[in-house]
Amino acid sequence: DAILNHMCADQPNPIGTGGSTANPGKFQFWAVPYGP
């Protein structure tokens, strides 16, 4: 089941199931990496 459309929504202190962090509010997903 592949999710190609989006990344996660805003969450307080977002951390992933593998320990990755991000700042969804600023569209920063460092583990990919993706930016705005």
ModelCIF file with pLDDT and N, C-alpha, C, O atoms, coordinates in Angstrom:
data_MODEL
#
_entry.id   MODEL 
#
_entity.id                         1 
_entity.type                       polymer 
_entity.pdbx_number_of_molecules   1 
#
_entity_poly.entity_id                      1 
_entity_poly.type                           'polypeptide(L)' 
_entity_poly.nstd_linkage                   no 
_entity_poly.nstd_monomer                   no 
_entity_poly.pdbx_seq_one_letter_code       DAILNHMCADQPNPIGTGGSTANPGKFQFWAVPYGP 
_entity_poly.pdbx_seq_one_letter_code_can   DAILNHMCADQPNPIGTGGSTANPGKFQFWAVPYGP 
_entity_poly.pdbx_strand_id                 A 
#
loop_
_entity_poly_seq.entity_id 
_entity_poly_seq.num 
_entity_poly_seq.mon_id 
_entity_poly_seq.hetero 
1 1  ASP n 
1 2  ALA n 
1 3  ILE n 
1 4  LEU n 
1 5  ASN n 
1 6  HIS n 
1 7  MET n 
1 8  CYS n 
1 9  ALA n 
1 10 ASP n 
1 11 GLN n 
1 12 PRO n 
1 13 ASN n 
1 14 PRO n 
1 15 ILE n 
1 16 GLY n 
1 17 THR n 
1 18 GLY n 
1 19 GLY n 
1 20 SER n 
1 21 THR n 
1 22 ALA n 
1 23 ASN n 
1 24 PRO n 
1 25 GLY n 
1 26 LYS n 
1 27 PHE n 
1 28 GLN n 
1 29 PHE n 
1 30 TRP n 
1 31 ALA n 
1 32 VAL n 
1 33 PRO n 
1 34 TYR n 
1 35 GLY n 
1 36 PRO n 
#
_struct_asym.id          A 
_struct_asym.entity_id   1 
#
loop_
_ma_qa_metric.id 
_ma_qa_metric.mode 
_ma_qa_metric.name 
_ma_qa_metric.software_group_id 
_ma_qa_metric.type 
1 global pLDDT . pLDDT 
2 local  pLDDT . pLDDT 
#
_ma_qa_metric_global.metric_id      1 
_ma_qa_metric_global.metric_value   97.33 
_ma_qa_metric_global.model_id       1 
_ma_qa_metric_global.ordinal_id     1 
#
loop_
_ma_qa_metric_local.label_asym_id 
_ma_qa_metric_local.label_comp_id 
_ma_qa_metric_local.label_seq_id 
_ma_qa_metric_local.metric_id 
_ma_qa_metric_local.metric_value 
_ma_qa_metric_local.model_id 
_ma_qa_metric_local.ordinal_id 
A ASP 1  2 98.00 1 1  
A ALA 2  2 98.00 1 2  
A ILE 3  2 98.00 1 3  
A LEU 4  2 98.00 1 4  
A ASN 5  2 98.00 1 5  
A HIS 6  2 98.00 1 6  
A MET 7  2 98.00 1 7  
A CYS 8  2 98.00 1 8  
A ALA 9  2 98.00 1 9  
A ASP 10 2 97.00 1 10 
A GLN 11 2 92.00 1 11 
A PRO 12 2 91.00 1 12 
A ASN 13 2 91.00 1 13 
A PRO 14 2 97.00 1 14 
A ILE 15 2 98.00 1 15 
A GLY 16 2 98.00 1 16 
A THR 17 2 98.00 1 17 
A GLY 18 2 98.00 1 18 
A GLY 19 2 98.00 1 19 
A SER 20 2 98.00 1 20 
A THR 21 2 98.00 1 21 
A ALA 22 2 98.00 1 22 
A ASN 23 2 98.00 1 23 
A PRO 24 2 98.00 1 24 
A GLY 25 2 97.00 1 25 
A LYS 26 2 97.00 1 26 
A PHE 27 2 98.00 1 27 
A GLN 28 2 98.00 1 28 
A PHE 29 2 98.00 1 29 
A TRP 30 2 98.00 1 30 
A ALA 31 2 98.00 1 31 
A VAL 32 2 98.00 1 32 
A PRO 33 2 98.00 1 33 
A TYR 34 2 98.00 1 34 
A GLY 35 2 98.00 1 35 
A PRO 36 2 98.00 1 36 
#
loop_
_atom_site.group_PDB 
_atom_site.id 
_atom_site.type_symbol 
_atom_site.label_atom_id 
_atom_site.label_alt_id 
_atom_site.label_comp_id 
_atom_site.label_asym_id 
_atom_site.label_entity_id 
_atom_site.label_seq_id 
_atom_site.pdbx_PDB_ins_code 
_atom_site.Cartn_x 
_atom_site.Cartn_y 
_atom_site.Cartn_z 
_atom_site.occupancy 
_atom_site.B_iso_or_equiv 
_atom_site.pdbx_formal_charge 
_atom_site.auth_seq_id 
_atom_site.auth_comp_id 
_atom_site.auth_asym_id 
_atom_site.auth_atom_id 
_atom_site.pdbx_PDB_model_num 
ATOM 1   N N  . ASP A 1 1  ? 0.869  -1.173 0.000  1.00 98.00 ? 1  ASP A N  1 
ATOM 2   C CA . ASP A 1 1  ? 0.000  0.000  0.000  1.00 98.00 ? 1  ASP A CA 1 
ATOM 3   C C  . ASP A 1 1  ? 0.913  1.232  0.000  1.00 98.00 ? 1  ASP A C  1 
ATOM 4   O O  . ASP A 1 1  ? 1.504  1.567  1.026  1.00 98.00 ? 1  ASP A O  1 
ATOM 5   N N  . ALA A 1 2  ? 1.024  1.895  -1.137 1.00 98.00 ? 2  ALA A N  1 
ATOM 6   C CA . ALA A 1 2  ? 1.997  2.983  -1.317 1.00 98.00 ? 2  ALA A CA 1 
ATOM 7   C C  . ALA A 1 2  ? 1.321  4.345  -1.254 1.00 98.00 ? 2  ALA A C  1 
ATOM 8   O O  . ALA A 1 2  ? 0.277  4.561  -1.870 1.00 98.00 ? 2  ALA A O  1 
ATOM 9   N N  . ILE A 1 3  ? 1.923  5.256  -0.506 1.00 98.00 ? 3  ILE A N  1 
ATOM 10  C CA . ILE A 1 3  ? 1.375  6.608  -0.329 1.00 98.00 ? 3  ILE A CA 1 
ATOM 11  C C  . ILE A 1 3  ? 2.269  7.578  -1.091 1.00 98.00 ? 3  ILE A C  1 
ATOM 12  O O  . ILE A 1 3  ? 3.355  7.935  -0.633 1.00 98.00 ? 3  ILE A O  1 
ATOM 13  N N  . LEU A 1 4  ? 1.798  7.994  -2.253 1.00 98.00 ? 4  LEU A N  1 
ATOM 14  C CA . LEU A 1 4  ? 2.554  8.877  -3.134 1.00 98.00 ? 4  LEU A CA 1 
ATOM 15  C C  . LEU A 1 4  ? 2.002  10.291 -3.142 1.00 98.00 ? 4  LEU A C  1 
ATOM 16  O O  . LEU A 1 4  ? 2.668  11.210 -3.621 1.00 98.00 ? 4  LEU A O  1 
ATOM 17  N N  . ASN A 1 5  ? 0.810  10.480 -2.625 1.00 98.00 ? 5  ASN A N  1 
ATOM 18  C CA . ASN A 1 5  ? 0.119  11.766 -2.738 1.00 98.00 ? 5  ASN A CA 1 
ATOM 19  C C  . ASN A 1 5  ? 0.615  12.810 -1.753 1.00 98.00 ? 5  ASN A C  1 
ATOM 20  O O  . ASN A 1 5  ? 0.599  14.002 -2.061 1.00 98.00 ? 5  ASN A O  1 
ATOM 21  N N  . HIS A 1 6  ? 1.056  12.385 -0.569 1.00 98.00 ? 6  HIS A N  1 
ATOM 22  C CA . HIS A 1 6  ? 1.249  13.361 0.501  1.00 98.00 ? 6  HIS A CA 1 
ATOM 23  C C  . HIS A 1 6  ? 2.254  12.881 1.545  1.00 98.00 ? 6  HIS A C  1 
ATOM 24  O O  . HIS A 1 6  ? 2.695  11.732 1.539  1.00 98.00 ? 6  HIS A O  1 
ATOM 25  N N  . MET A 1 7  ? 2.593  13.792 2.429  1.00 98.00 ? 7  MET A N  1 
ATOM 26  C CA . MET A 1 7  ? 3.305  13.480 3.659  1.00 98.00 ? 7  MET A CA 1 
ATOM 27  C C  . MET A 1 7  ? 2.357  13.792 4.818  1.00 98.00 ? 7  MET A C  1 
ATOM 28  O O  . MET A 1 7  ? 1.214  14.188 4.592  1.00 98.00 ? 7  MET A O  1 
ATOM 29  N N  . CYS A 1 8  ? 2.822  13.619 6.048  1.00 98.00 ? 8  CYS A N  1 
ATOM 30  C CA . CYS A 1 8  ? 1.917  13.723 7.200  1.00 98.00 ? 8  CYS A CA 1 
ATOM 31  C C  . CYS A 1 8  ? 1.444  15.151 7.439  1.00 98.00 ? 8  CYS A C  1 
ATOM 32  O O  . CYS A 1 8  ? 2.070  16.118 7.006  1.00 98.00 ? 8  CYS A O  1 
ATOM 33  N N  . ALA A 1 9  ? 0.329  15.253 8.136  1.00 98.00 ? 9  ALA A N  1 
ATOM 34  C CA . ALA A 1 9  ? -0.228 16.547 8.541  1.00 98.00 ? 9  ALA A CA 1 
ATOM 35  C C  . ALA A 1 9  ? 0.506  17.045 9.794  1.00 98.00 ? 9  ALA A C  1 
ATOM 36  O O  . ALA A 1 9  ? 1.373  16.363 10.341 1.00 98.00 ? 9  ALA A O  1 
ATOM 37  N N  . ASP A 1 10 ? 0.139  18.235 10.223 1.00 97.00 ? 10 ASP A N  1 
ATOM 38  C CA . ASP A 1 10 ? 0.753  18.810 11.421 1.00 97.00 ? 10 ASP A CA 1 
ATOM 39  C C  . ASP A 1 10 ? 0.470  17.934 12.640 1.00 97.00 ? 10 ASP A C  1 
ATOM 40  O O  . ASP A 1 10 ? -0.649 17.459 12.835 1.00 97.00 ? 10 ASP A O  1 
ATOM 41  N N  . GLN A 1 11 ? 1.492  17.733 13.444 1.00 92.00 ? 11 GLN A N  1 
ATOM 42  C CA . GLN A 1 11 ? 1.379  17.007 14.707 1.00 92.00 ? 11 GLN A CA 1 
ATOM 43  C C  . GLN A 1 11 ? 2.242  17.713 15.742 1.00 92.00 ? 11 GLN A C  1 
ATOM 44  O O  . GLN A 1 11 ? 3.283  18.269 15.391 1.00 92.00 ? 11 GLN A O  1 
ATOM 45  N N  . PRO A 1 12 ? 1.838  17.706 17.009 1.00 91.00 ? 12 PRO A N  1 
ATOM 46  C CA . PRO A 1 12 ? 2.718  18.264 18.043 1.00 91.00 ? 12 PRO A CA 1 
ATOM 47  C C  . PRO A 1 12 ? 3.954  17.384 18.211 1.00 91.00 ? 12 PRO A C  1 
ATOM 48  O O  . PRO A 1 12 ? 3.831  16.172 18.391 1.00 91.00 ? 12 PRO A O  1 
ATOM 49  N N  . ASN A 1 13 ? 5.135  17.981 18.154 1.00 91.00 ? 13 ASN A N  1 
ATOM 50  C CA . ASN A 1 13 ? 6.402  17.259 18.318 1.00 91.00 ? 13 ASN A CA 1 
ATOM 51  C C  . ASN A 1 13 ? 6.459  16.007 17.435 1.00 91.00 ? 13 ASN A C  1 
ATOM 52  O O  . ASN A 1 13 ? 6.611  14.899 17.949 1.00 91.00 ? 13 ASN A O  1 
ATOM 53  N N  . PRO A 1 14 ? 6.339  16.172 16.115 1.00 97.00 ? 14 PRO A N  1 
ATOM 54  C CA . PRO A 1 14 ? 6.245  15.005 15.229 1.00 97.00 ? 14 PRO A CA 1 
ATOM 55  C C  . PRO A 1 14 ? 7.520  14.168 15.230 1.00 97.00 ? 14 PRO A C  1 
ATOM 56  O O  . PRO A 1 14 ? 8.626  14.681 15.062 1.00 97.00 ? 14 PRO A O  1 
ATOM 57  N N  . ILE A 1 15 ? 7.333  12.872 15.422 1.00 98.00 ? 15 ILE A N  1 
ATOM 58  C CA . ILE A 1 15 ? 8.425  11.913 15.332 1.00 98.00 ? 15 ILE A CA 1 
ATOM 59  C C  . ILE A 1 15 ? 7.876  10.649 14.699 1.00 98.00 ? 15 ILE A C  1 
ATOM 60  O O  . ILE A 1 15 ? 6.731  10.270 14.948 1.00 98.00 ? 15 ILE A O  1 
ATOM 61  N N  . GLY A 1 16 ? 8.689  9.995  13.880 1.00 98.00 ? 16 GLY A N  1 
ATOM 62  C CA . GLY A 1 16 ? 8.228  8.835  13.145 1.00 98.00 ? 16 GLY A CA 1 
ATOM 63  C C  . GLY A 1 16 ? 8.464  7.522  13.865 1.00 98.00 ? 16 GLY A C  1 
ATOM 64  O O  . GLY A 1 16 ? 9.148  7.473  14.887 1.00 98.00 ? 16 GLY A O  1 
ATOM 65  N N  . THR A 1 17 ? 7.891  6.464  13.324 1.00 98.00 ? 17 THR A N  1 
ATOM 66  C CA . THR A 1 17 ? 8.021  5.126  13.898 1.00 98.00 ? 17 THR A CA 1 
ATOM 67  C C  . THR A 1 17 ? 9.444  4.599  13.813 1.00 98.00 ? 17 THR A C  1 
ATOM 68  O O  . THR A 1 17 ? 9.783  3.622  14.481 1.00 98.00 ? 17 THR A O  1 
ATOM 69  N N  . GLY A 1 18 ? 10.287 5.239  12.993 1.00 98.00 ? 18 GLY A N  1 
ATOM 70  C CA . GLY A 1 18 ? 11.691 4.865  12.920 1.00 98.00 ? 18 GLY A CA 1 
ATOM 71  C C  . GLY A 1 18 ? 12.610 5.897  13.528 1.00 98.00 ? 18 GLY A C  1 
ATOM 72  O O  . GLY A 1 18 ? 13.831 5.793  13.407 1.00 98.00 ? 18 GLY A O  1 
ATOM 73  N N  . GLY A 1 19 ? 12.026 6.915  14.194 1.00 98.00 ? 19 GLY A N  1 
ATOM 74  C CA . GLY A 1 19 ? 12.819 7.948  14.853 1.00 98.00 ? 19 GLY A CA 1 
ATOM 75  C C  . GLY A 1 19 ? 13.058 9.191  14.025 1.00 98.00 ? 19 GLY A C  1 
ATOM 76  O O  . GLY A 1 19 ? 13.690 10.126 14.519 1.00 98.00 ? 19 GLY A O  1 
ATOM 77  N N  . SER A 1 20 ? 12.583 9.251  12.787 1.00 98.00 ? 20 SER A N  1 
ATOM 78  C CA . SER A 1 20 ? 12.774 10.447 11.960 1.00 98.00 ? 20 SER A CA 1 
ATOM 79  C C  . SER A 1 20 ? 11.932 11.595 12.501 1.00 98.00 ? 20 SER A C  1 
ATOM 80  O O  . SER A 1 20 ? 10.867 11.384 13.081 1.00 98.00 ? 20 SER A O  1 
ATOM 81  N N  . THR A 1 21 ? 12.426 12.813 12.301 1.00 98.00 ? 21 THR A N  1 
ATOM 82  C CA . THR A 1 21 ? 11.696 14.007 12.705 1.00 98.00 ? 21 THR A CA 1 
ATOM 83  C C  . THR A 1 21 ? 11.414 14.860 11.474 1.00 98.00 ? 21 THR A C  1 
ATOM 84  O O  . THR A 1 21 ? 12.035 14.695 10.424 1.00 98.00 ? 21 THR A O  1 
ATOM 85  N N  . ALA A 1 22 ? 10.458 15.777 11.630 1.00 98.00 ? 22 ALA A N  1 
ATOM 86  C CA . ALA A 1 22 ? 10.063 16.661 10.537 1.00 98.00 ? 22 ALA A CA 1 
ATOM 87  C C  . ALA A 1 22 ? 9.402  17.884 11.127 1.00 98.00 ? 22 ALA A C  1 
ATOM 88  O O  . ALA A 1 22 ? 9.089  17.922 12.317 1.00 98.00 ? 22 ALA A O  1 
ATOM 89  N N  . ASN A 1 23 ? 9.190  18.882 10.293 1.00 98.00 ? 23 ASN A N  1 
ATOM 90  C CA . ASN A 1 23 ? 8.412  20.069 10.652 1.00 98.00 ? 23 ASN A CA 1 
ATOM 91  C C  . ASN A 1 23 ? 7.348  20.254 9.585  1.00 98.00 ? 23 ASN A C  1 
ATOM 92  O O  . ASN A 1 23 ? 7.518  21.072 8.681  1.00 98.00 ? 23 ASN A O  1 
ATOM 93  N N  . PRO A 1 24 ? 6.240  19.500 9.674  1.00 98.00 ? 24 PRO A N  1 
ATOM 94  C CA . PRO A 1 24 ? 5.218  19.565 8.631  1.00 98.00 ? 24 PRO A CA 1 
ATOM 95  C C  . PRO A 1 24 ? 4.676  20.977 8.408  1.00 98.00 ? 24 PRO A C  1 
ATOM 96  O O  . PRO A 1 24 ? 4.355  21.348 7.279  1.00 98.00 ? 24 PRO A O  1 
ATOM 97  N N  . GLY A 1 25 ? 4.576  21.754 9.470  1.00 97.00 ? 25 GLY A N  1 
ATOM 98  C CA . GLY A 1 25 ? 4.049  23.109 9.328  1.00 97.00 ? 25 GLY A CA 1 
ATOM 99  C C  . GLY A 1 25 ? 4.878  23.973 8.401  1.00 97.00 ? 25 GLY A C  1 
ATOM 100 O O  . GLY A 1 25 ? 4.359  24.903 7.783  1.00 97.00 ? 25 GLY A O  1 
ATOM 101 N N  . LYS A 1 26 ? 6.158  23.675 8.299  1.00 97.00 ? 26 LYS A N  1 
ATOM 102 C CA . LYS A 1 26 ? 7.053  24.408 7.394  1.00 97.00 ? 26 LYS A CA 1 
ATOM 103 C C  . LYS A 1 26 ? 7.469  23.549 6.198  1.00 97.00 ? 26 LYS A C  1 
ATOM 104 O O  . LYS A 1 26 ? 8.390  23.900 5.460  1.00 97.00 ? 26 LYS A O  1 
ATOM 105 N N  . PHE A 1 27 ? 6.773  22.410 6.014  1.00 98.00 ? 27 PHE A N  1 
ATOM 106 C CA . PHE A 1 27 ? 6.994  21.535 4.861  1.00 98.00 ? 27 PHE A CA 1 
ATOM 107 C C  . PHE A 1 27 ? 8.444  21.034 4.796  1.00 98.00 ? 27 PHE A C  1 
ATOM 108 O O  . PHE A 1 27 ? 9.033  20.925 3.721  1.00 98.00 ? 27 PHE A O  1 
ATOM 109 N N  . GLN A 1 28 ? 8.993  20.736 5.962  1.00 98.00 ? 28 GLN A N  1 
ATOM 110 C CA . GLN A 1 28 ? 10.354 20.236 6.047  1.00 98.00 ? 28 GLN A CA 1 
ATOM 111 C C  . GLN A 1 28 ? 10.329 18.772 6.491  1.00 98.00 ? 28 GLN A C  1 
ATOM 112 O O  . GLN A 1 28 ? 9.960  18.458 7.623  1.00 98.00 ? 28 GLN A O  1 
ATOM 113 N N  . PHE A 1 29 ? 10.725 17.888 5.582  1.00 98.00 ? 29 PHE A N  1 
ATOM 114 C CA . PHE A 1 29 ? 10.824 16.457 5.883  1.00 98.00 ? 29 PHE A CA 1 
ATOM 115 C C  . PHE A 1 29 ? 12.256 16.048 5.583  1.00 98.00 ? 29 PHE A C  1 
ATOM 116 O O  . PHE A 1 29 ? 12.579 15.633 4.470  1.00 98.00 ? 29 PHE A O  1 
ATOM 117 N N  . TRP A 1 30 ? 13.115 16.172 6.597  1.00 98.00 ? 30 TRP A N  1 
ATOM 118 C CA . TRP A 1 30 ? 14.553 16.067 6.411  1.00 98.00 ? 30 TRP A CA 1 
ATOM 119 C C  . TRP A 1 30 ? 15.013 14.674 6.012  1.00 98.00 ? 30 TRP A C  1 
ATOM 120 O O  . TRP A 1 30 ? 16.039 14.536 5.345  1.00 98.00 ? 30 TRP A O  1 
ATOM 121 N N  . ALA A 1 31 ? 14.280 13.638 6.405  1.00 98.00 ? 31 ALA A N  1 
ATOM 122 C CA . ALA A 1 31 ? 14.724 12.273 6.122  1.00 98.00 ? 31 ALA A CA 1 
ATOM 123 C C  . ALA A 1 31 ? 14.586 11.898 4.657  1.00 98.00 ? 31 ALA A C  1 
ATOM 124 O O  . ALA A 1 31 ? 15.142 10.883 4.237  1.00 98.00 ? 31 ALA A O  1 
ATOM 125 N N  . VAL A 1 32 ? 13.845 12.703 3.843  1.00 98.00 ? 32 VAL A N  1 
ATOM 126 C CA . VAL A 1 32 ? 13.675 12.327 2.436  1.00 98.00 ? 32 VAL A CA 1 
ATOM 127 C C  . VAL A 1 32 ? 14.871 12.757 1.582  1.00 98.00 ? 32 VAL A C  1 
ATOM 128 O O  . VAL A 1 32 ? 15.491 11.869 0.997  1.00 98.00 ? 32 VAL A O  1 
ATOM 129 N N  . PRO A 1 33 ? 15.255 14.036 1.453  1.00 98.00 ? 33 PRO A N  1 
ATOM 130 C CA . PRO A 1 33 ? 14.634 15.224 2.075  1.00 98.00 ? 33 PRO A CA 1 
ATOM 131 C C  . PRO A 1 33 ? 13.642 15.915 1.133  1.00 98.00 ? 33 PRO A C  1 
ATOM 132 O O  . PRO A 1 33 ? 13.804 15.910 -0.087 1.00 98.00 ? 33 PRO A O  1 
ATOM 133 N N  . TYR A 1 34 ? 12.603 16.513 1.749  1.00 98.00 ? 34 TYR A N  1 
ATOM 134 C CA . TYR A 1 34 ? 11.655 17.387 1.058  1.00 98.00 ? 34 TYR A CA 1 
ATOM 135 C C  . TYR A 1 34 ? 11.663 18.748 1.749  1.00 98.00 ? 34 TYR A C  1 
ATOM 136 O O  . TYR A 1 34 ? 11.859 18.851 2.960  1.00 98.00 ? 34 TYR A O  1 
ATOM 137 N N  . GLY A 1 35 ? 11.442 19.800 0.937  1.00 98.00 ? 35 GLY A N  1 
ATOM 138 C CA . GLY A 1 35 ? 11.251 21.148 1.449  1.00 98.00 ? 35 GLY A CA 1 
ATOM 139 C C  . GLY A 1 35 ? 10.019 21.761 0.824  1.00 98.00 ? 35 GLY A C  1 
ATOM 140 O O  . GLY A 1 35 ? 9.323  21.090 0.062  1.00 98.00 ? 35 GLY A O  1 
ATOM 141 N N  . PRO A 1 36 ? 9.724  23.024 1.124  1.00 98.00 ? 36 PRO A N  1 
ATOM 142 C CA . PRO A 1 36 ? 8.502  23.667 0.615  1.00 98.00 ? 36 PRO A CA 1 
ATOM 143 C C  . PRO A 1 36 ? 8.368  23.606 -0.898 1.00 98.00 ? 36 PRO A C  1 
ATOM 144 O O  . PRO A 1 36 ? 7.390  24.107 -1.452 1.00 98.00 ? 36 PRO A O  1 
#
